[in-house]
Amino acid sequence: MMDKNDIKQYKQDLSERFFGLNFDNKAHNLKFIVDRETGVEYLAMGGGFSPVLTPLVDVDGRPKINQLWKEGKLS
């Protein structure tokens, strides 16, 4: 089981791994997220009791890789 220090470190590790942008949208709580280790893009919606995290896909159905991450600008 994780103690308080372990949890604090885990949260810090996650905040360093993921880059996120919030969108000002009154209908939905939207956040664009990029995994800095893989470059995969996600869209997070909602909050509260039923948040949704969806990977974005390219035209072939593969996970979309962020262009800035490919260019080494999002490390």
N, C-alpha and C. Protein backbone atom coordinates (compact mmCIF):
# COMPACT_ATOMS: atom_id res chain seq x y z
N MET A 1 0.84 -1.17 0.00
CA MET A 1 0.00 0.00 0.00
C MET A 1 0.89 1.25 0.00
N MET A 2 0.46 2.27 -0.70
CA MET A 2 1.22 3.51 -0.79
C MET A 2 0.95 4.41 0.41
N ASP A 3 2.01 5.00 0.95
CA ASP A 3 1.81 5.96 2.02
C ASP A 3 1.68 7.36 1.41
N LYS A 4 1.52 8.38 2.23
CA LYS A 4 1.29 9.74 1.74
C LYS A 4 2.44 10.24 0.88
N ASN A 5 3.67 9.93 1.25
CA ASN A 5 4.83 10.37 0.45
C ASN A 5 4.87 9.67 -0.90
N ASP A 6 4.53 8.37 -0.92
CA ASP A 6 4.48 7.63 -2.19
C ASP A 6 3.42 8.22 -3.12
N ILE A 7 2.27 8.54 -2.57
CA ILE A 7 1.18 9.12 -3.36
C ILE A 7 1.58 10.48 -3.91
N LYS A 8 2.21 11.28 -3.07
CA LYS A 8 2.68 12.61 -3.51
C LYS A 8 3.68 12.47 -4.66
N GLN A 9 4.62 11.54 -4.55
CA GLN A 9 5.61 11.33 -5.61
C GLN A 9 4.95 10.81 -6.89
N TYR A 10 3.98 9.91 -6.73
CA TYR A 10 3.26 9.36 -7.88
C TYR A 10 2.52 10.47 -8.63
N LYS A 11 1.86 11.36 -7.90
CA LYS A 11 1.16 12.49 -8.53
C LYS A 11 2.14 13.38 -9.27
N GLN A 12 3.30 13.62 -8.67
CA GLN A 12 4.32 14.45 -9.30
C GLN A 12 4.81 13.80 -10.59
N ASP A 13 5.06 12.49 -10.55
CA ASP A 13 5.50 11.77 -11.74
C ASP A 13 4.48 11.87 -12.86
N LEU A 14 3.19 11.72 -12.52
CA LEU A 14 2.13 11.83 -13.53
C LEU A 14 2.04 13.23 -14.10
N SER A 15 2.17 14.24 -13.25
CA SER A 15 2.07 15.62 -13.74
C SER A 15 3.24 15.96 -14.66
N GLU A 16 4.39 15.33 -14.46
CA GLU A 16 5.52 15.54 -15.36
C GLU A 16 5.36 14.76 -16.66
N ARG A 17 4.67 13.63 -16.61
CA ARG A 17 4.51 12.79 -17.79
C ARG A 17 3.48 13.35 -18.77
N PHE A 18 2.41 13.95 -18.26
CA PHE A 18 1.31 14.38 -19.13
C PHE A 18 1.26 15.89 -19.25
N PHE A 19 1.05 16.36 -20.48
CA PHE A 19 0.87 17.77 -20.78
C PHE A 19 -0.61 17.98 -21.06
N GLY A 20 -1.22 19.00 -20.49
CA GLY A 20 -2.65 19.19 -20.70
C GLY A 20 -3.03 20.63 -20.95
N LEU A 21 -4.05 20.82 -21.78
CA LEU A 21 -4.64 22.12 -22.05
C LEU A 21 -6.13 22.05 -21.76
N ASN A 22 -6.63 22.97 -20.96
CA ASN A 22 -8.07 23.04 -20.68
C ASN A 22 -8.75 23.92 -21.72
N PHE A 23 -9.97 23.56 -22.10
CA PHE A 23 -10.77 24.34 -23.02
C PHE A 23 -11.90 25.01 -22.27
N ASP A 24 -12.14 26.26 -22.57
CA ASP A 24 -13.24 27.01 -21.95
C ASP A 24 -14.51 26.68 -22.71
N ASN A 25 -15.22 25.68 -22.24
CA ASN A 25 -16.42 25.21 -22.90
C ASN A 25 -17.48 25.02 -21.82
N LYS A 26 -18.54 25.80 -21.87
CA LYS A 26 -19.56 25.75 -20.82
C LYS A 26 -20.35 24.45 -20.83
N ALA A 27 -20.49 23.80 -21.98
CA ALA A 27 -21.28 22.58 -22.06
C ALA A 27 -20.52 21.36 -21.50
N HIS A 28 -19.20 21.34 -21.67
CA HIS A 28 -18.40 20.19 -21.25
C HIS A 28 -17.10 20.69 -20.64
N ASN A 29 -16.57 19.94 -19.71
CA ASN A 29 -15.25 20.22 -19.17
C ASN A 29 -14.27 19.43 -20.02
N LEU A 30 -13.61 20.09 -20.98
CA LEU A 30 -12.73 19.41 -21.93
C LEU A 30 -11.27 19.70 -21.62
N LYS A 31 -10.43 18.67 -21.79
CA LYS A 31 -9.00 18.83 -21.62
C LYS A 31 -8.28 18.00 -22.68
N PHE A 32 -7.34 18.64 -23.38
CA PHE A 32 -6.50 17.97 -24.36
C PHE A 32 -5.22 17.55 -23.64
N ILE A 33 -4.86 16.27 -23.76
CA ILE A 33 -3.73 15.72 -23.02
C ILE A 33 -2.77 15.03 -23.98
N VAL A 34 -1.47 15.22 -23.75
CA VAL A 34 -0.44 14.51 -24.51
C VAL A 34 0.45 13.76 -23.52
N ASP A 35 0.65 12.49 -23.78
CA ASP A 35 1.57 11.68 -22.99
C ASP A 35 2.99 12.00 -23.47
N ARG A 36 3.80 12.59 -22.61
CA ARG A 36 5.15 13.00 -23.00
C ARG A 36 6.08 11.81 -23.27
N GLU A 37 5.74 10.62 -22.81
CA GLU A 37 6.58 9.44 -23.07
C GLU A 37 6.27 8.80 -24.41
N THR A 38 5.01 8.82 -24.82
CA THR A 38 4.61 8.14 -26.06
C THR A 38 4.19 9.10 -27.17
N GLY A 39 3.81 10.33 -26.81
CA GLY A 39 3.31 11.30 -27.79
C GLY A 39 1.84 11.13 -28.12
N VAL A 40 1.18 10.13 -27.54
CA VAL A 40 -0.23 9.86 -27.84
C VAL A 40 -1.11 10.99 -27.28
N GLU A 41 -2.09 11.41 -28.09
CA GLU A 41 -3.03 12.47 -27.71
C GLU A 41 -4.32 11.87 -27.17
N TYR A 42 -4.88 12.54 -26.15
CA TYR A 42 -6.13 12.13 -25.54
C TYR A 42 -7.05 13.33 -25.38
N LEU A 43 -8.35 13.07 -25.31
CA LEU A 43 -9.33 14.08 -24.96
C LEU A 43 -10.03 13.60 -23.70
N ALA A 44 -9.97 14.41 -22.66
CA ALA A 44 -10.66 14.10 -21.41
C ALA A 44 -11.90 14.97 -21.34
N MET A 45 -13.02 14.37 -20.98
CA MET A 45 -14.29 15.10 -20.90
C MET A 45 -14.94 14.83 -19.56
N GLY A 46 -15.57 15.87 -19.05
CA GLY A 46 -16.37 15.70 -17.84
C GLY A 46 -15.55 15.84 -16.59
N GLY A 47 -15.94 15.13 -15.65
CA GLY A 47 -15.41 15.18 -14.29
C GLY A 47 -16.50 14.57 -13.43
N GLY A 48 -16.55 14.93 -12.21
CA GLY A 48 -17.63 14.44 -11.37
C GLY A 48 -17.66 12.92 -11.31
N PHE A 49 -18.84 12.34 -11.56
CA PHE A 49 -19.03 10.91 -11.38
C PHE A 49 -18.67 10.06 -12.58
N SER A 50 -18.62 10.65 -13.77
CA SER A 50 -18.35 9.80 -14.94
C SER A 50 -17.42 10.49 -15.95
N PRO A 51 -16.16 10.73 -15.57
CA PRO A 51 -15.23 11.32 -16.53
C PRO A 51 -14.89 10.32 -17.64
N VAL A 52 -14.53 10.85 -18.80
CA VAL A 52 -14.20 10.02 -19.96
C VAL A 52 -12.83 10.43 -20.48
N LEU A 53 -11.97 9.45 -20.74
CA LEU A 53 -10.67 9.69 -21.35
C LEU A 53 -10.63 8.88 -22.64
N THR A 54 -10.47 9.57 -23.76
CA THR A 54 -10.52 8.93 -25.07
C THR A 54 -9.24 9.20 -25.84
N PRO A 55 -8.56 8.16 -26.32
CA PRO A 55 -7.41 8.42 -27.18
C PRO A 55 -7.90 8.94 -28.53
N LEU A 56 -7.20 9.92 -29.07
CA LEU A 56 -7.52 10.40 -30.41
C LEU A 56 -6.84 9.49 -31.41
N VAL A 57 -7.47 9.29 -32.56
CA VAL A 57 -6.92 8.38 -33.57
C VAL A 57 -6.74 9.11 -34.89
N ASP A 58 -5.81 8.58 -35.72
CA ASP A 58 -5.61 9.15 -37.04
C ASP A 58 -6.61 8.52 -38.02
N VAL A 59 -6.48 8.84 -39.30
CA VAL A 59 -7.45 8.35 -40.29
C VAL A 59 -7.43 6.83 -40.44
N ASP A 60 -6.34 6.19 -40.02
CA ASP A 60 -6.24 4.74 -40.10
C ASP A 60 -6.66 4.04 -38.81
N GLY A 61 -7.11 4.82 -37.82
CA GLY A 61 -7.56 4.25 -36.56
C GLY A 61 -6.45 4.00 -35.56
N ARG A 62 -5.23 4.43 -35.86
CA ARG A 62 -4.11 4.28 -34.93
C ARG A 62 -4.08 5.47 -33.99
N PRO A 63 -3.51 5.31 -32.79
CA PRO A 63 -3.40 6.44 -31.87
C PRO A 63 -2.68 7.61 -32.54
N LYS A 64 -3.24 8.82 -32.36
CA LYS A 64 -2.66 10.02 -32.97
C LYS A 64 -1.46 10.45 -32.13
N ILE A 65 -0.33 10.66 -32.81
CA ILE A 65 0.90 11.10 -32.16
C ILE A 65 1.04 12.60 -32.36
N ASN A 66 1.27 13.32 -31.29
CA ASN A 66 1.35 14.77 -31.31
C ASN A 66 2.55 15.24 -32.15
N GLN A 67 2.30 16.20 -33.02
CA GLN A 67 3.34 16.71 -33.92
C GLN A 67 4.47 17.40 -33.16
N LEU A 68 4.14 18.20 -32.14
CA LEU A 68 5.19 18.86 -31.36
C LEU A 68 6.07 17.84 -30.65
N TRP A 69 5.47 16.74 -30.18
CA TRP A 69 6.23 15.68 -29.53
C TRP A 69 7.17 15.04 -30.55
N LYS A 70 6.69 14.80 -31.78
CA LYS A 70 7.54 14.22 -32.83
C LYS A 70 8.75 15.10 -33.12
N GLU A 71 8.53 16.44 -33.04
CA GLU A 71 9.61 17.38 -33.34
C GLU A 71 10.49 17.66 -32.13
N GLY A 72 10.23 16.98 -31.01
CA GLY A 72 11.03 17.16 -29.81
C GLY A 72 10.78 18.43 -29.05
N LYS A 73 9.65 19.07 -29.32
CA LYS A 73 9.32 20.35 -28.68
C LYS A 73 8.43 20.18 -27.46
N LEU A 74 8.07 18.97 -27.12
CA LEU A 74 7.16 18.74 -26.00
C LEU A 74 7.74 17.68 -25.07
N SER A 75 8.97 17.90 -24.66
CA SER A 75 9.63 16.90 -23.81
C SER A 75 9.75 17.40 -22.39
